[in-house]
């Protein structure tokens, strides 16, 4: 099962539904709610994986506000 693709060095693009903690981490985790993690790779970011709208934090499990709307 493929969870990520190495683009060279530490540029690791993770699949949708997966997450990694930092640009220097080689460990990839499956999100508890796979629908909350976009995956991908965000260069020059502390957390290199995009969460879907309304989610943030470790494994994209923290609810956030977006344009005055609260997500749960």
C-alpha atoms as a PDB file:
ATOM      1  CA  UNK A   1       0.000   0.000   0.000  1.00  0.00           C
ATOM      2  CA  UNK A   2       1.425   3.337  -1.034  1.00  0.00           C
ATOM      3  CA  UNK A   3       1.020   6.168   1.505  1.00  0.00           C
ATOM      4  CA  UNK A   4       3.472   8.692   0.087  1.00  0.00           C
ATOM      5  CA  UNK A   5       5.842   9.548  -2.733  1.00  0.00           C
ATOM      6  CA  UNK A   6       9.355  10.841  -2.214  1.00  0.00           C
ATOM      7  CA  UNK A   7      10.132  13.871  -4.395  1.00  0.00           C
ATOM      8  CA  UNK A   8      13.767  13.878  -3.314  1.00  0.00           C
ATOM      9  CA  UNK A   9      15.346  14.734   0.016  1.00  0.00           C
ATOM     10  CA  UNK A  10      12.678  15.411   2.630  1.00  0.00           C
ATOM     11  CA  UNK A  11      10.069  16.511   0.072  1.00  0.00           C
ATOM     12  CA  UNK A  12       7.609  13.730   0.771  1.00  0.00           C
ATOM     13  CA  UNK A  13       4.126  14.023  -0.720  1.00  0.00           C
ATOM     14  CA  UNK A  14       1.664  12.045   1.400  1.00  0.00           C
ATOM     15  CA  UNK A  15      -1.556  10.603   0.001  1.00  0.00           C
ATOM     16  CA  UNK A  16      -4.990  11.888   0.958  1.00  0.00           C
ATOM     17  CA  UNK A  17      -5.948  10.483   4.352  1.00  0.00           C
ATOM     18  CA  UNK A  18      -2.358  10.542   5.637  1.00  0.00           C
ATOM     19  CA  UNK A  19      -0.311  13.028   7.692  1.00  0.00           C
ATOM     20  CA  UNK A  20       3.258  13.702   8.831  1.00  0.00           C
ATOM     21  CA  UNK A  21       4.334  15.905  11.710  1.00  0.00           C
ATOM     22  CA  UNK A  22       7.042  18.056  10.124  1.00  0.00           C
ATOM     23  CA  UNK A  23       9.207  18.651   7.063  1.00  0.00           C
ATOM     24  CA  UNK A  24      11.970  16.621   8.702  1.00  0.00           C
ATOM     25  CA  UNK A  25       9.828  13.643   9.725  1.00  0.00           C
ATOM     26  CA  UNK A  26       9.937  10.430   7.723  1.00  0.00           C
ATOM     27  CA  UNK A  27       7.073   8.936   9.762  1.00  0.00           C
ATOM     28  CA  UNK A  28       3.696   8.930   8.027  1.00  0.00           C
ATOM     29  CA  UNK A  29       0.450   8.316   9.904  1.00  0.00           C
ATOM     30  CA  UNK A  30      -3.034   7.451   8.729  1.00  0.00           C
ATOM     31  CA  UNK A  31      -5.505  10.121   9.827  1.00  0.00           C
ATOM     32  CA  UNK A  32      -8.124   8.982  12.305  1.00  0.00           C
ATOM     33  CA  UNK A  33     -10.739  10.544  10.078  1.00  0.00           C
ATOM     34  CA  UNK A  34      -9.317  10.004   6.602  1.00  0.00           C
ATOM     35  CA  UNK A  35     -11.700  12.601   5.198  1.00  0.00           C
ATOM     36  CA  UNK A  36     -10.053  15.392   7.238  1.00  0.00           C
ATOM     37  CA  UNK A  37      -6.581  15.079   5.641  1.00  0.00           C
ATOM     38  CA  UNK A  38      -5.842  16.399   2.135  1.00  0.00           C
ATOM     39  CA  UNK A  39      -2.325  15.024   2.201  1.00  0.00           C
ATOM     40  CA  UNK A  40       0.129  16.504  -0.286  1.00  0.00           C
ATOM     41  CA  UNK A  41       3.178  18.536   0.632  1.00  0.00           C
ATOM     42  CA  UNK A  42       3.340  22.176   1.738  1.00  0.00           C
ATOM     43  CA  UNK A  43       6.874  23.495   1.268  1.00  0.00           C
ATOM     44  CA  UNK A  44       8.371  25.732   3.993  1.00  0.00           C
ATOM     45  CA  UNK A  45       5.600  24.990   6.475  1.00  0.00           C
ATOM     46  CA  UNK A  46       5.921  23.655  10.019  1.00  0.00           C
ATOM     47  CA  UNK A  47       3.263  21.062   9.197  1.00  0.00           C
ATOM     48  CA  UNK A  48       3.808  20.004   5.578  1.00  0.00           C
ATOM     49  CA  UNK A  49       0.391  18.377   5.080  1.00  0.00           C
ATOM     50  CA  UNK A  50      -2.822  20.229   4.273  1.00  0.00           C
ATOM     51  CA  UNK A  51      -5.910  19.576   6.355  1.00  0.00           C
ATOM     52  CA  UNK A  52      -9.346  19.966   4.816  1.00  0.00           C
ATOM     53  CA  UNK A  53     -11.339  23.096   5.582  1.00  0.00           C
ATOM     54  CA  UNK A  54     -12.411  23.151   9.217  1.00  0.00           C
ATOM     55  CA  UNK A  55      -9.548  20.974  10.486  1.00  0.00           C
ATOM     56  CA  UNK A  56      -6.026  21.632  11.749  1.00  0.00           C
ATOM     57  CA  UNK A  57      -3.364  20.243  14.080  1.00  0.00           C
ATOM     58  CA  UNK A  58      -1.983  16.742  14.603  1.00  0.00           C
ATOM     59  CA  UNK A  59      -3.641  14.233  12.276  1.00  0.00           C
ATOM     60  CA  UNK A  60      -6.018  17.072  11.251  1.00  0.00           C
ATOM     61  CA  UNK A  61      -8.162  16.256  14.287  1.00  0.00           C
ATOM     62  CA  UNK A  62      -8.513  19.754  15.761  1.00  0.00           C
ATOM     63  CA  UNK A  63     -11.621  21.705  14.770  1.00  0.00           C
ATOM     64  CA  UNK A  64     -11.132  25.263  13.609  1.00  0.00           C
ATOM     65  CA  UNK A  65     -13.111  28.330  12.594  1.00  0.00           C
ATOM     66  CA  UNK A  66     -13.420  29.384   8.986  1.00  0.00           C
ATOM     67  CA  UNK A  67     -15.167  32.599   7.999  1.00  0.00           C
ATOM     68  CA  UNK A  68     -17.169  32.706  11.252  1.00  0.00           C
ATOM     69  CA  UNK A  69     -18.268  29.069  10.844  1.00  0.00           C
ATOM     70  CA  UNK A  70     -17.349  26.543  13.536  1.00  0.00           C
ATOM     71  CA  UNK A  71     -16.550  22.978  12.522  1.00  0.00           C
ATOM     72  CA  UNK A  72     -17.105  19.919  14.706  1.00  0.00           C
END
